[in-house]
PDB file of all heavy atoms in Angstrom:
ATOM      1  N   HIS A   1     -11.955  -1.088   9.178  1.00  0.00           N
ATOM      2  CA  HIS A   1     -13.086  -0.821  10.071  1.00  0.00           C
ATOM      3  C   HIS A   1     -13.609   0.588   9.810  1.00  0.00           C
ATOM      4  O   HIS A   1     -12.922   1.425   9.221  1.00  0.00           O
ATOM      5  CB  HIS A   1     -12.661  -0.947  11.533  1.00  0.00           C
ATOM      6  CG  HIS A   1     -12.274  -2.315  11.958  1.00  0.00           C
ATOM      7  ND1 HIS A   1     -13.138  -3.379  11.934  1.00  0.00           N
ATOM      8  CD2 HIS A   1     -11.092  -2.803  12.419  1.00  0.00           C
ATOM      9  CE1 HIS A   1     -12.531  -4.464  12.376  1.00  0.00           C
ATOM     10  NE2 HIS A   1     -11.281  -4.148  12.671  1.00  0.00           N
ATOM     11  N   SER A   2     -14.807   0.842  10.306  1.00  0.00           N
ATOM     12  CA  SER A   2     -15.403   2.177  10.215  1.00  0.00           C
ATOM     13  C   SER A   2     -15.328   2.725   8.803  1.00  0.00           C
ATOM     14  O   SER A   2     -14.935   3.877   8.575  1.00  0.00           O
ATOM     15  CB  SER A   2     -14.701   3.137  11.190  1.00  0.00           C
ATOM     16  OG  SER A   2     -14.766   2.640  12.515  1.00  0.00           O
ATOM     17  N   LEU A   3     -15.712   1.900   7.848  1.00  0.00           N
ATOM     18  CA  LEU A   3     -15.610   2.303   6.450  1.00  0.00           C
ATOM     19  C   LEU A   3     -16.514   3.478   6.140  1.00  0.00           C
ATOM     20  O   LEU A   3     -17.636   3.589   6.661  1.00  0.00           O
ATOM     21  CB  LEU A   3     -15.916   1.115   5.552  1.00  0.00           C
ATOM     22  CG  LEU A   3     -14.756   0.115   5.445  1.00  0.00           C
ATOM     23  CD1 LEU A   3     -15.242  -1.241   4.954  1.00  0.00           C
ATOM     24  CD2 LEU A   3     -13.683   0.657   4.531  1.00  0.00           C
ATOM     25  N   LYS A   4     -16.016   4.325   5.272  1.00  0.00           N
ATOM     26  CA  LYS A   4     -16.725   5.530   4.863  1.00  0.00           C
ATOM     27  C   LYS A   4     -16.962   5.474   3.354  1.00  0.00           C
ATOM     28  O   LYS A   4     -16.213   4.809   2.634  1.00  0.00           O
ATOM     29  CB  LYS A   4     -15.883   6.765   5.197  1.00  0.00           C
ATOM     30  CG  LYS A   4     -15.455   6.864   6.644  1.00  0.00           C
ATOM     31  CD  LYS A   4     -14.521   8.045   6.837  1.00  0.00           C
ATOM     32  CE  LYS A   4     -14.051   8.142   8.281  1.00  0.00           C
ATOM     33  NZ  LYS A   4     -13.134   9.286   8.484  1.00  0.00           N
ATOM     34  N   PRO A   5     -17.945   6.201   2.871  1.00  0.00           N
ATOM     35  CA  PRO A   5     -18.162   6.228   1.404  1.00  0.00           C
ATOM     36  C   PRO A   5     -16.910   6.642   0.631  1.00  0.00           C
ATOM     37  O   PRO A   5     -16.685   6.143  -0.482  1.00  0.00           O
ATOM     38  CB  PRO A   5     -19.294   7.247   1.258  1.00  0.00           C
ATOM     39  CG  PRO A   5     -20.046   7.146   2.539  1.00  0.00           C
ATOM     40  CD  PRO A   5     -19.001   6.908   3.594  1.00  0.00           C
ATOM     41  N   GLU A   6     -16.103   7.487   1.214  1.00  0.00           N
ATOM     42  CA  GLU A   6     -14.884   7.918   0.515  1.00  0.00           C
ATOM     43  C   GLU A   6     -13.804   6.842   0.467  1.00  0.00           C
ATOM     44  O   GLU A   6     -12.780   7.020  -0.201  1.00  0.00           O
ATOM     45  CB  GLU A   6     -14.330   9.210   1.138  1.00  0.00           C
ATOM     46  CG  GLU A   6     -14.154   9.166   2.636  1.00  0.00           C
ATOM     47  CD  GLU A   6     -15.338   9.762   3.380  1.00  0.00           C
ATOM     48  OE1 GLU A   6     -16.512   9.499   2.992  1.00  0.00           O
ATOM     49  OE2 GLU A   6     -15.096  10.482   4.373  1.00  0.00           O
ATOM     50  N   ASP A   7     -14.003   5.736   1.172  1.00  0.00           N
ATOM     51  CA  ASP A   7     -13.086   4.611   1.069  1.00  0.00           C
ATOM     52  C   ASP A   7     -13.384   3.739  -0.153  1.00  0.00           C
ATOM     53  O   ASP A   7     -12.608   2.834  -0.467  1.00  0.00           O
ATOM     54  CB  ASP A   7     -13.165   3.726   2.324  1.00  0.00           C
ATOM     55  CG  ASP A   7     -12.659   4.424   3.564  1.00  0.00           C
ATOM     56  OD1 ASP A   7     -11.639   5.122   3.483  1.00  0.00           O
ATOM     57  OD2 ASP A   7     -13.303   4.267   4.621  1.00  0.00           O
ATOM     58  N   GLU A   8     -14.477   4.004  -0.794  1.00  0.00           N
ATOM     59  CA  GLU A   8     -14.861   3.200  -1.958  1.00  0.00           C
ATOM     60  C   GLU A   8     -13.846   3.356  -3.077  1.00  0.00           C
ATOM     61  O   GLU A   8     -13.506   4.467  -3.483  1.00  0.00           O
ATOM     62  CB  GLU A   8     -16.250   3.615  -2.439  1.00  0.00           C
ATOM     63  CG  GLU A   8     -16.774   2.795  -3.597  1.00  0.00           C
ATOM     64  CD  GLU A   8     -18.253   3.051  -3.848  1.00  0.00           C
ATOM     65  OE1 GLU A   8     -19.050   2.958  -2.902  1.00  0.00           O
ATOM     66  OE2 GLU A   8     -18.610   3.346  -5.003  1.00  0.00           O
ATOM     67  N   ALA A   9     -13.349   2.222  -3.553  1.00  0.00           N
ATOM     68  CA  ALA A   9     -12.304   2.223  -4.577  1.00  0.00           C
ATOM     69  C   ALA A   9     -11.979   0.780  -4.939  1.00  0.00           C
ATOM     70  O   ALA A   9     -12.462  -0.166  -4.302  1.00  0.00           O
ATOM     71  CB  ALA A   9     -11.040   2.907  -4.052  1.00  0.00           C
ATOM     72  N   VAL A  10     -11.160   0.645  -5.956  1.00  0.00           N
ATOM     73  CA  VAL A  10     -10.524  -0.639  -6.224  1.00  0.00           C
ATOM     74  C   VAL A  10      -9.234  -0.675  -5.408  1.00  0.00           C
ATOM     75  O   VAL A  10      -8.430   0.258  -5.486  1.00  0.00           O
ATOM     76  CB  VAL A  10     -10.220  -0.827  -7.717  1.00  0.00           C
ATOM     77  CG1 VAL A  10      -9.497  -2.154  -7.951  1.00  0.00           C
ATOM     78  CG2 VAL A  10     -11.504  -0.776  -8.534  1.00  0.00           C
ATOM     79  N   TYR A  11      -9.076  -1.733  -4.645  1.00  0.00           N
ATOM     80  CA  TYR A  11      -7.909  -1.870  -3.777  1.00  0.00           C
ATOM     81  C   TYR A  11      -6.924  -2.858  -4.406  1.00  0.00           C
ATOM     82  O   TYR A  11      -7.311  -3.959  -4.820  1.00  0.00           O
ATOM     83  CB  TYR A  11      -8.334  -2.353  -2.393  1.00  0.00           C
ATOM     84  CG  TYR A  11      -8.924  -1.252  -1.553  1.00  0.00           C
ATOM     85  CD1 TYR A  11     -10.182  -0.725  -1.853  1.00  0.00           C
ATOM     86  CD2 TYR A  11      -8.226  -0.709  -0.481  1.00  0.00           C
ATOM     87  CE1 TYR A  11     -10.720   0.308  -1.101  1.00  0.00           C
ATOM     88  CE2 TYR A  11      -8.759   0.315   0.285  1.00  0.00           C
ATOM     89  CZ  TYR A  11      -9.999   0.820  -0.040  1.00  0.00           C
ATOM     90  OH  TYR A  11     -10.535   1.848   0.709  1.00  0.00           O
ATOM     91  N   TYR A  12      -5.671  -2.438  -4.437  1.00  0.00           N
ATOM     92  CA  TYR A  12      -4.605  -3.240  -5.035  1.00  0.00           C
ATOM     93  C   TYR A  12      -3.546  -3.561  -3.993  1.00  0.00           C
ATOM     94  O   TYR A  12      -3.180  -2.690  -3.198  1.00  0.00           O
ATOM     95  CB  TYR A  12      -3.930  -2.466  -6.163  1.00  0.00           C
ATOM     96  CG  TYR A  12      -4.821  -2.095  -7.309  1.00  0.00           C
ATOM     97  CD1 TYR A  12      -5.525  -0.895  -7.317  1.00  0.00           C
ATOM     98  CD2 TYR A  12      -4.967  -2.949  -8.412  1.00  0.00           C
ATOM     99  CE1 TYR A  12      -6.348  -0.538  -8.372  1.00  0.00           C
ATOM    100  CE2 TYR A  12      -5.781  -2.600  -9.478  1.00  0.00           C
ATOM    101  CZ  TYR A  12      -6.467  -1.403  -9.444  1.00  0.00           C
ATOM    102  OH  TYR A  12      -7.278  -1.068 -10.500  1.00  0.00           O
ATOM    103  N   CYS A  13      -3.053  -4.777  -4.035  1.00  0.00           N
ATOM    104  CA  CYS A  13      -1.866  -5.053  -3.236  1.00  0.00           C
ATOM    105  C   CYS A  13      -0.656  -5.059  -4.155  1.00  0.00           C
ATOM    106  O   CYS A  13      -0.777  -5.251  -5.373  1.00  0.00           O
ATOM    107  CB  CYS A  13      -1.977  -6.349  -2.454  1.00  0.00           C
ATOM    108  SG  CYS A  13      -1.808  -7.860  -3.404  1.00  0.00           S
ATOM    109  N   ALA A  14       0.494  -4.826  -3.575  1.00  0.00           N
ATOM    110  CA  ALA A  14       1.715  -4.713  -4.347  1.00  0.00           C
ATOM    111  C   ALA A  14       2.887  -5.232  -3.540  1.00  0.00           C
ATOM    112  O   ALA A  14       2.872  -5.182  -2.308  1.00  0.00           O
ATOM    113  CB  ALA A  14       1.949  -3.256  -4.745  1.00  0.00           C
ATOM    114  N   ALA A  15       3.893  -5.708  -4.256  1.00  0.00           N
ATOM    115  CA  ALA A  15       5.110  -6.229  -3.637  1.00  0.00           C
ATOM    116  C   ALA A  15       6.304  -5.456  -4.174  1.00  0.00           C
ATOM    117  O   ALA A  15       6.438  -5.268  -5.386  1.00  0.00           O
ATOM    118  CB  ALA A  15       5.267  -7.717  -3.949  1.00  0.00           C
ATOM    119  N   GLY A  16       7.144  -5.025  -3.256  1.00  0.00           N
ATOM    120  CA  GLY A  16       8.315  -4.260  -3.649  1.00  0.00           C
ATOM    121  C   GLY A  16       9.562  -4.790  -2.976  1.00  0.00           C
ATOM    122  O   GLY A  16       9.554  -5.013  -1.762  1.00  0.00           O
ATOM    123  N   GLY A  17      10.596  -4.987  -3.765  1.00  0.00           N
ATOM    124  CA  GLY A  17      11.853  -5.437  -3.191  1.00  0.00           C
ATOM    125  C   GLY A  17      12.404  -4.406  -2.220  1.00  0.00           C
ATOM    126  O   GLY A  17      12.243  -3.204  -2.423  1.00  0.00           O
ATOM    127  N   SER A  18      13.006  -4.872  -1.152  1.00  0.00           N
ATOM    128  CA  SER A  18      13.577  -3.944  -0.180  1.00  0.00           C
ATOM    129  C   SER A  18      14.941  -4.444   0.269  1.00  0.00           C
ATOM    130  O   SER A  18      15.158  -5.641   0.387  1.00  0.00           O
ATOM    131  CB  SER A  18      12.640  -3.785   1.019  1.00  0.00           C
ATOM    132  OG  SER A  18      12.387  -5.024   1.643  1.00  0.00           O
ATOM    133  N   GLU A  19      15.822  -3.490   0.487  1.00  0.00           N
ATOM    134  CA  GLU A  19      17.191  -3.842   0.839  1.00  0.00           C
ATOM    135  C   GLU A  19      17.312  -4.298   2.286  1.00  0.00           C
ATOM    136  O   GLU A  19      18.167  -5.131   2.610  1.00  0.00           O
ATOM    137  CB  GLU A  19      18.113  -2.653   0.589  1.00  0.00           C
ATOM    138  CG  GLU A  19      18.240  -2.301  -0.881  1.00  0.00           C
ATOM    139  CD  GLU A  19      19.268  -1.211  -1.110  1.00  0.00           C
ATOM    140  OE1 GLU A  19      19.834  -0.715  -0.126  1.00  0.00           O
ATOM    141  OE2 GLU A  19      19.502  -0.863  -2.286  1.00  0.00           O
ATOM    142  N   THR A  20      16.483  -3.747   3.126  1.00  0.00           N
ATOM    143  CA  THR A  20      16.540  -4.152   4.527  1.00  0.00           C
ATOM    144  C   THR A  20      15.192  -4.693   4.959  1.00  0.00           C
ATOM    145  O   THR A  20      14.163  -4.412   4.358  1.00  0.00           O
ATOM    146  CB  THR A  20      16.927  -2.979   5.444  1.00  0.00           C
ATOM    147  OG1 THR A  20      15.807  -2.108   5.576  1.00  0.00           O
ATOM    148  CG2 THR A  20      18.109  -2.214   4.887  1.00  0.00           C
ATOM    149  N   ALA A  21      15.204  -5.445   6.025  1.00  0.00           N
ATOM    150  CA  ALA A  21      13.986  -6.106   6.491  1.00  0.00           C
ATOM    151  C   ALA A  21      12.949  -5.124   7.016  1.00  0.00           C
ATOM    152  O   ALA A  21      11.775  -5.470   7.109  1.00  0.00           O
ATOM    153  CB  ALA A  21      14.327  -7.124   7.575  1.00  0.00           C
ATOM    154  N   ARG A  22      13.372  -3.901   7.331  1.00  0.00           N
ATOM    155  CA  ARG A  22      12.460  -2.968   7.967  1.00  0.00           C
ATOM    156  C   ARG A  22      12.062  -1.805   7.056  1.00  0.00           C
ATOM    157  O   ARG A  22      11.445  -0.853   7.494  1.00  0.00           O
ATOM    158  CB  ARG A  22      13.056  -2.467   9.276  1.00  0.00           C
ATOM    159  CG  ARG A  22      13.441  -3.612  10.207  1.00  0.00           C
ATOM    160  CD  ARG A  22      13.818  -3.155  11.601  1.00  0.00           C
ATOM    161  NE  ARG A  22      12.653  -2.951  12.431  1.00  0.00           N
ATOM    162  CZ  ARG A  22      12.347  -1.793  13.001  1.00  0.00           C
ATOM    163  NH1 ARG A  22      13.112  -0.740  12.815  1.00  0.00           N
ATOM    164  NH2 ARG A  22      11.263  -1.693  13.760  1.00  0.00           N
ATOM    165  N   ASP A  23      12.414  -1.885   5.781  1.00  0.00           N
ATOM    166  CA  ASP A  23      11.995  -0.859   4.829  1.00  0.00           C
ATOM    167  C   ASP A  23      10.494  -0.943   4.584  1.00  0.00           C
ATOM    168  O   ASP A  23       9.925  -2.041   4.534  1.00  0.00           O
ATOM    169  CB  ASP A  23      12.685  -1.062   3.483  1.00  0.00           C
ATOM    170  CG  ASP A  23      14.117  -0.567   3.494  1.00  0.00           C
ATOM    171  OD1 ASP A  23      14.485   0.156   4.434  1.00  0.00           O
ATOM    172  OD2 ASP A  23      14.844  -0.900   2.546  1.00  0.00           O
ATOM    173  N   VAL A  24       9.868   0.207   4.418  1.00  0.00           N
ATOM    174  CA  VAL A  24       8.507   0.270   3.906  1.00  0.00           C
ATOM    175  C   VAL A  24       8.493   1.260   2.745  1.00  0.00           C
ATOM    176  O   VAL A  24       9.196   2.257   2.768  1.00  0.00           O
ATOM    177  CB  VAL A  24       7.470   0.687   4.978  1.00  0.00           C
ATOM    178  CG1 VAL A  24       7.252  -0.426   5.974  1.00  0.00           C
ATOM    179  CG2 VAL A  24       7.877   1.964   5.671  1.00  0.00           C
ATOM    180  N   HIS A  25       7.694   0.968   1.755  1.00  0.00           N
ATOM    181  CA  HIS A  25       7.615   1.801   0.558  1.00  0.00           C
ATOM    182  C   HIS A  25       6.270   2.506   0.516  1.00  0.00           C
ATOM    183  O   HIS A  25       5.234   1.900   0.804  1.00  0.00           O
ATOM    184  CB  HIS A  25       7.767   0.945  -0.695  1.00  0.00           C
ATOM    185  CG  HIS A  25       9.043   0.174  -0.751  1.00  0.00           C
ATOM    186  ND1 HIS A  25      10.234   0.667  -0.290  1.00  0.00           N
ATOM    187  CD2 HIS A  25       9.301  -1.065  -1.236  1.00  0.00           C
ATOM    188  CE1 HIS A  25      11.175  -0.242  -0.475  1.00  0.00           C
ATOM    189  NE2 HIS A  25      10.644  -1.292  -1.037  1.00  0.00           N
ATOM    190  N   LEU A  26       6.305   3.759   0.094  1.00  0.00           N
ATOM    191  CA  LEU A  26       5.085   4.551   0.055  1.00  0.00           C
ATOM    192  C   LEU A  26       4.651   4.925  -1.357  1.00  0.00           C
ATOM    193  O   LEU A  26       3.506   5.319  -1.567  1.00  0.00           O
ATOM    194  CB  LEU A  26       5.273   5.837   0.859  1.00  0.00           C
ATOM    195  CG  LEU A  26       5.813   5.682   2.289  1.00  0.00           C
ATOM    196  CD1 LEU A  26       5.813   7.038   2.986  1.00  0.00           C
ATOM    197  CD2 LEU A  26       5.024   4.666   3.075  1.00  0.00           C
ATOM    198  N   ARG A  27       5.529   4.809  -2.306  1.00  0.00           N
ATOM    199  CA  ARG A  27       5.248   5.260  -3.670  1.00  0.00           C
ATOM    200  C   ARG A  27       5.001   4.077  -4.599  1.00  0.00           C
ATOM    201  O   ARG A  27       5.643   3.029  -4.472  1.00  0.00           O
ATOM    202  CB  ARG A  27       6.413   6.108  -4.189  1.00  0.00           C
ATOM    203  CG  ARG A  27       6.613   7.415  -3.428  1.00  0.00           C
ATOM    204  CD  ARG A  27       7.709   8.245  -4.086  1.00  0.00           C
ATOM    205  NE  ARG A  27       9.010   7.617  -3.941  1.00  0.00           N
ATOM    206  CZ  ARG A  27       9.827   7.860  -2.937  1.00  0.00           C
ATOM    207  NH1 ARG A  27       9.473   8.702  -1.966  1.00  0.00           N
ATOM    208  NH2 ARG A  27      10.998   7.278  -2.885  1.00  0.00           N
ATOM    209  N   THR A  28       4.131   4.286  -5.558  1.00  0.00           N
ATOM    210  CA  THR A  28       3.830   3.214  -6.510  1.00  0.00           C
ATOM    211  C   THR A  28       5.077   2.774  -7.257  1.00  0.00           C
ATOM    212  O   THR A  28       5.229   1.597  -7.592  1.00  0.00           O
ATOM    213  CB  THR A  28       2.765   3.668  -7.518  1.00  0.00           C
ATOM    214  OG1 THR A  28       3.222   4.826  -8.213  1.00  0.00           O
ATOM    215  CG2 THR A  28       1.445   3.988  -6.842  1.00  0.00           C
ATOM    216  N   THR A  29       5.973   3.704  -7.521  1.00  0.00           N
ATOM    217  CA  THR A  29       7.175   3.387  -8.294  1.00  0.00           C
ATOM    218  C   THR A  29       8.148   2.479  -7.552  1.00  0.00           C
ATOM    219  O   THR A  29       9.070   1.932  -8.157  1.00  0.00           O
ATOM    220  CB  THR A  29       7.905   4.670  -8.710  1.00  0.00           C
ATOM    221  OG1 THR A  29       8.138   5.451  -7.530  1.00  0.00           O
ATOM    222  CG2 THR A  29       7.091   5.473  -9.705  1.00  0.00           C
ATOM    223  N   GLU A  30       7.939   2.314  -6.266  1.00  0.00           N
ATOM    224  CA  GLU A  30       8.822   1.458  -5.474  1.00  0.00           C
ATOM    225  C   GLU A  30       8.356   0.010  -5.453  1.00  0.00           C
ATOM    226  O   GLU A  30       9.007  -0.840  -4.851  1.00  0.00           O
ATOM    227  CB  GLU A  30       8.903   1.992  -4.038  1.00  0.00           C
ATOM    228  CG  GLU A  30       9.566   3.359  -3.948  1.00  0.00           C
ATOM    229  CD  GLU A  30       9.587   3.893  -2.533  1.00  0.00           C
ATOM    230  OE1 GLU A  30       8.486   4.173  -1.989  1.00  0.00           O
ATOM    231  OE2 GLU A  30      10.678   4.023  -1.962  1.00  0.00           O
TER     232      GLU A  30
END
């Protein structure tokens, strides 16, 4: 919502294995 010109980009989704159900990953390498 409330998109701004600086939001313009190619958006990618990614899947990362996680050891626990509540892990979240922030880095591309994960």
